[in-house]
Amino acid sequence: MAARLSAWLVQAEAAQAAKPARKQVKAVRDWVRALTDELRGARFKPFADQSGQIWRLLCERSSVSLVRLGSLVSVRSGKSVFPSPWTMPTRPHSAS
């Protein structure tokens, strides 16, 4: 029992000593995530713009429009989820 307690104490002391570095690592991780999101957005912007142009050409008289959403990527529990960058809300069709 004393050996296990001694091993645990060594690990606890190491964890306590690493606390300041943990804050720095979290800050760097957040910065990298933000930069990754920005770069991904820049990479997909031409595709999003072209999709919008094509949609406008095809649906000039449609009652559906495309709306740009915020982030293209949501990161949760280590997995990247790629939601659609566009949503298609309906609006009342005007009588013209």
Protein backbone atom coordinates (compact mmCIF):
# COMPACT_ATOMS: atom_id res chain seq x y z
CA MET A 1 0.00 0.00 0.00
CA ALA A 2 2.83 2.41 0.86
CA ALA A 3 4.49 1.76 -2.53
CA ARG A 4 1.27 2.60 -4.42
CA LEU A 5 0.74 5.71 -2.33
CA SER A 6 4.33 6.78 -2.97
CA ALA A 7 3.90 6.28 -6.74
CA TRP A 8 0.69 8.29 -6.67
CA LEU A 9 2.43 11.10 -4.77
CA VAL A 10 5.18 11.28 -7.41
CA GLN A 11 2.54 11.58 -10.16
CA ALA A 12 0.57 14.19 -8.20
CA GLU A 13 3.69 16.30 -7.69
CA ALA A 14 4.54 16.07 -11.40
CA ALA A 15 1.00 17.13 -12.32
CA GLN A 16 1.18 20.08 -9.94
CA ALA A 17 4.53 21.17 -11.40
CA ALA A 18 3.08 21.03 -14.93
CA LYS A 19 0.12 23.33 -14.16
CA PRO A 20 1.72 26.55 -15.52
CA ALA A 21 2.65 24.81 -18.77
CA ARG A 22 -0.92 23.51 -19.11
CA LYS A 23 -2.27 27.07 -19.39
CA GLN A 24 0.24 27.86 -22.14
CA VAL A 25 -0.61 24.66 -24.00
CA LYS A 26 -4.33 25.48 -23.84
CA ALA A 27 -3.68 29.00 -25.16
CA VAL A 28 -1.61 27.66 -28.06
CA ARG A 29 -4.25 25.01 -28.82
CA ASP A 30 -6.97 27.69 -28.96
CA TRP A 31 -4.81 29.84 -31.24
CA VAL A 32 -4.11 26.90 -33.57
CA ARG A 33 -7.83 26.06 -33.73
CA ALA A 34 -8.75 29.64 -34.60
CA LEU A 35 -6.03 29.80 -37.25
CA THR A 36 -7.14 26.46 -38.70
CA ASP A 37 -10.74 27.69 -38.93
CA GLU A 38 -9.58 30.89 -40.62
CA LEU A 39 -7.44 29.02 -43.17
CA ARG A 40 -10.20 26.51 -43.88
CA GLY A 41 -12.66 29.36 -44.43
CA ALA A 42 -10.25 31.05 -46.83
CA ARG A 43 -9.72 27.78 -48.70
CA PHE A 44 -13.45 27.13 -49.13
CA LYS A 45 -14.48 30.74 -49.83
CA PRO A 46 -14.09 30.46 -53.63
CA PHE A 47 -16.32 27.37 -53.65
CA ALA A 48 -18.92 29.08 -51.47
CA ASP A 49 -18.85 32.19 -53.69
CA GLN A 50 -19.21 30.12 -56.86
CA SER A 51 -22.08 28.14 -55.34
CA GLY A 52 -23.84 31.40 -54.52
CA GLN A 53 -23.37 32.68 -58.06
CA ILE A 54 -24.69 29.46 -59.57
CA TRP A 55 -27.66 29.50 -57.19
CA ARG A 56 -28.52 33.08 -58.14
CA LEU A 57 -28.39 32.21 -61.85
CA LEU A 58 -30.56 29.11 -61.46
CA CYS A 59 -33.12 30.52 -59.04
CA GLU A 60 -33.68 34.14 -59.95
CA ARG A 61 -37.43 33.80 -59.41
CA SER A 62 -37.27 31.37 -56.51
CA SER A 63 -38.66 32.04 -53.06
CA VAL A 64 -35.58 30.38 -51.52
CA SER A 65 -32.36 32.23 -50.74
CA LEU A 66 -28.96 31.18 -49.45
CA VAL A 67 -27.67 32.65 -46.22
CA ARG A 68 -24.04 32.44 -45.11
CA LEU A 69 -23.56 30.85 -41.71
CA GLY A 70 -20.69 31.62 -39.32
CA SER A 71 -18.15 28.84 -38.99
CA LEU A 72 -17.71 26.06 -41.50
CA VAL A 73 -16.32 23.72 -38.91
CA SER A 74 -17.30 22.73 -35.43
CA VAL A 75 -14.81 20.73 -33.40
CA ARG A 76 -16.28 18.58 -30.63
CA SER A 77 -14.57 15.78 -28.71
CA GLY A 78 -11.71 15.59 -31.16
CA LYS A 79 -13.86 15.09 -34.26
CA SER A 80 -14.38 17.65 -37.00
CA VAL A 81 -17.93 18.11 -38.15
CA PHE A 82 -18.49 19.87 -41.45
CA PRO A 83 -21.95 21.47 -41.45
CA SER A 84 -23.31 22.94 -44.63
CA PRO A 85 -22.02 26.51 -45.05
CA TRP A 86 -25.42 27.54 -46.44
CA THR A 87 -28.94 27.35 -45.17
CA MET A 88 -31.97 27.80 -47.34
CA PRO A 89 -34.69 29.69 -45.44
CA THR A 90 -37.93 30.12 -47.28
CA ARG A 91 -39.55 33.49 -47.66
CA PRO A 92 -43.02 34.34 -48.92
CA HIS A 93 -43.26 34.17 -52.69
CA SER A 94 -44.08 37.57 -54.13
CA ALA A 95 -46.77 37.77 -56.77
CA SER A 96 -45.11 39.38 -59.77
